[in-house]
Protein backbone atom coordinates (compact mmCIF):
# COMPACT_ATOMS: atom_id res chain seq x y z
CA MET A 1 102.60 106.41 91.44
CA SER A 2 103.69 108.63 94.27
CA ASP A 3 103.09 107.90 97.92
CA ASP A 4 101.50 111.34 97.93
CA SER A 5 98.54 110.13 95.85
CA LEU A 6 97.75 107.32 98.31
CA HIS A 7 98.31 109.66 101.23
CA ARG A 8 95.98 112.24 99.69
CA LEU A 9 93.31 109.60 99.07
CA LEU A 10 93.40 108.48 102.72
CA VAL A 11 93.54 112.03 104.08
CA ASP A 12 90.52 112.99 101.98
CA PHE A 13 88.66 109.79 102.76
CA PHE A 14 89.07 110.13 106.53
CA ASP A 15 88.87 113.95 106.49
CA LEU A 16 92.29 114.34 108.12
CA PRO A 17 94.53 117.41 108.18
CA THR A 18 96.74 117.50 105.09
CA ASN A 19 99.87 117.42 107.24
CA THR A 20 98.92 114.07 108.80
CA ARG A 21 101.94 111.78 108.73
CA SER A 22 101.46 108.56 106.79
CA GLY A 23 102.57 106.62 109.88
CA ASP A 24 99.62 108.09 111.78
CA ILE A 25 97.05 106.74 109.32
CA LYS A 26 96.15 103.56 111.18
CA GLN A 27 92.82 102.06 112.08
CA GLU A 28 93.81 101.94 115.75
CA LEU A 29 94.40 105.71 115.78
CA LEU A 30 91.35 106.84 113.80
CA SER A 31 88.00 106.65 115.55
CA ASN A 32 86.13 107.07 112.27
CA TRP A 33 87.83 103.99 110.74
CA ASP A 34 85.05 101.61 111.73
CA SER A 35 83.58 98.61 109.88
CA LEU A 36 81.42 100.76 107.59
CA ALA A 37 84.36 103.01 106.74
CA MET A 38 86.42 99.90 106.01
CA VAL A 39 83.88 98.66 103.45
CA GLN A 40 83.73 102.11 101.86
CA LEU A 41 87.52 102.41 101.85
CA ILE A 42 87.99 99.03 100.16
CA THR A 43 85.39 100.00 97.56
CA GLU A 44 87.17 103.31 96.93
CA LEU A 45 90.61 101.69 96.68
CA GLU A 46 89.32 99.03 94.27
CA ARG A 47 87.60 101.67 92.15
CA ARG A 48 90.49 104.12 92.15
CA PHE A 49 93.19 101.55 91.37
CA SER A 50 91.06 99.19 89.22
CA ILE A 51 91.92 96.19 91.38
CA GLU A 52 90.23 93.69 93.66
CA PHE A 53 91.33 92.61 97.11
CA ASP A 54 90.67 89.12 98.36
CA ILE A 55 89.39 88.55 101.88
CA GLU A 56 92.86 87.70 103.21
CA GLU A 57 94.22 91.01 101.92
CA ILE A 58 91.29 92.96 103.32
CA HIS A 59 91.98 91.60 106.81
CA ARG A 60 95.50 93.08 106.62
CA LEU A 61 94.54 96.55 105.37
CA ARG A 62 94.63 98.45 108.64
CA SER A 63 97.08 101.26 107.91
CA TYR A 64 98.64 103.40 105.22
CA ALA A 65 101.70 101.14 105.24
CA GLU A 66 99.67 97.95 104.86
CA ILE A 67 97.59 99.43 102.03
CA ARG A 68 100.76 100.63 100.29
CA GLU A 69 102.29 97.17 100.64
CA ALA A 70 99.17 95.47 99.25
CA LEU A 71 99.09 97.82 96.27
CA SER A 72 102.80 97.19 95.68
CA ARG A 73 102.15 93.44 95.60
CA LYS A 74 99.56 94.13 92.90
CA GLY A 75 102.17 95.84 90.75
CA PHE A 76 101.88 99.48 91.75
CA VAL A 77 105.26 101.16 92.06
CA PHE A 78 105.57 103.90 94.62
CA GLU A 79 108.07 106.71 94.67
CA ASP A 80 109.38 107.72 98.05
CA CYS A 81 107.82 110.84 99.40
CA PRO A 82 110.26 112.51 101.82
CA THR A 83 107.71 115.06 103.08
CA LEU A 84 105.40 112.38 104.43
CA PRO A 85 107.44 110.02 106.60
CA ALA A 86 105.99 106.70 107.71
């Protein structure tokens, strides 16, 4: 899996410009990342990657980096994407 696919999912989900840096995809920086969006995002991630997050994991999913790390722990291997720095 490329980082680009996760980046694209989050950019589409939050309706961000395509050139948004992965390091800028954080709950604290996005006004539309509220509690409803969080529920919808978790649902989309679980559907898209055919996984389930436990409540402890969900509490940590507050940025691109944290989502990437959680997916990596579930066995997803990411390729580095030099055009989208963290």
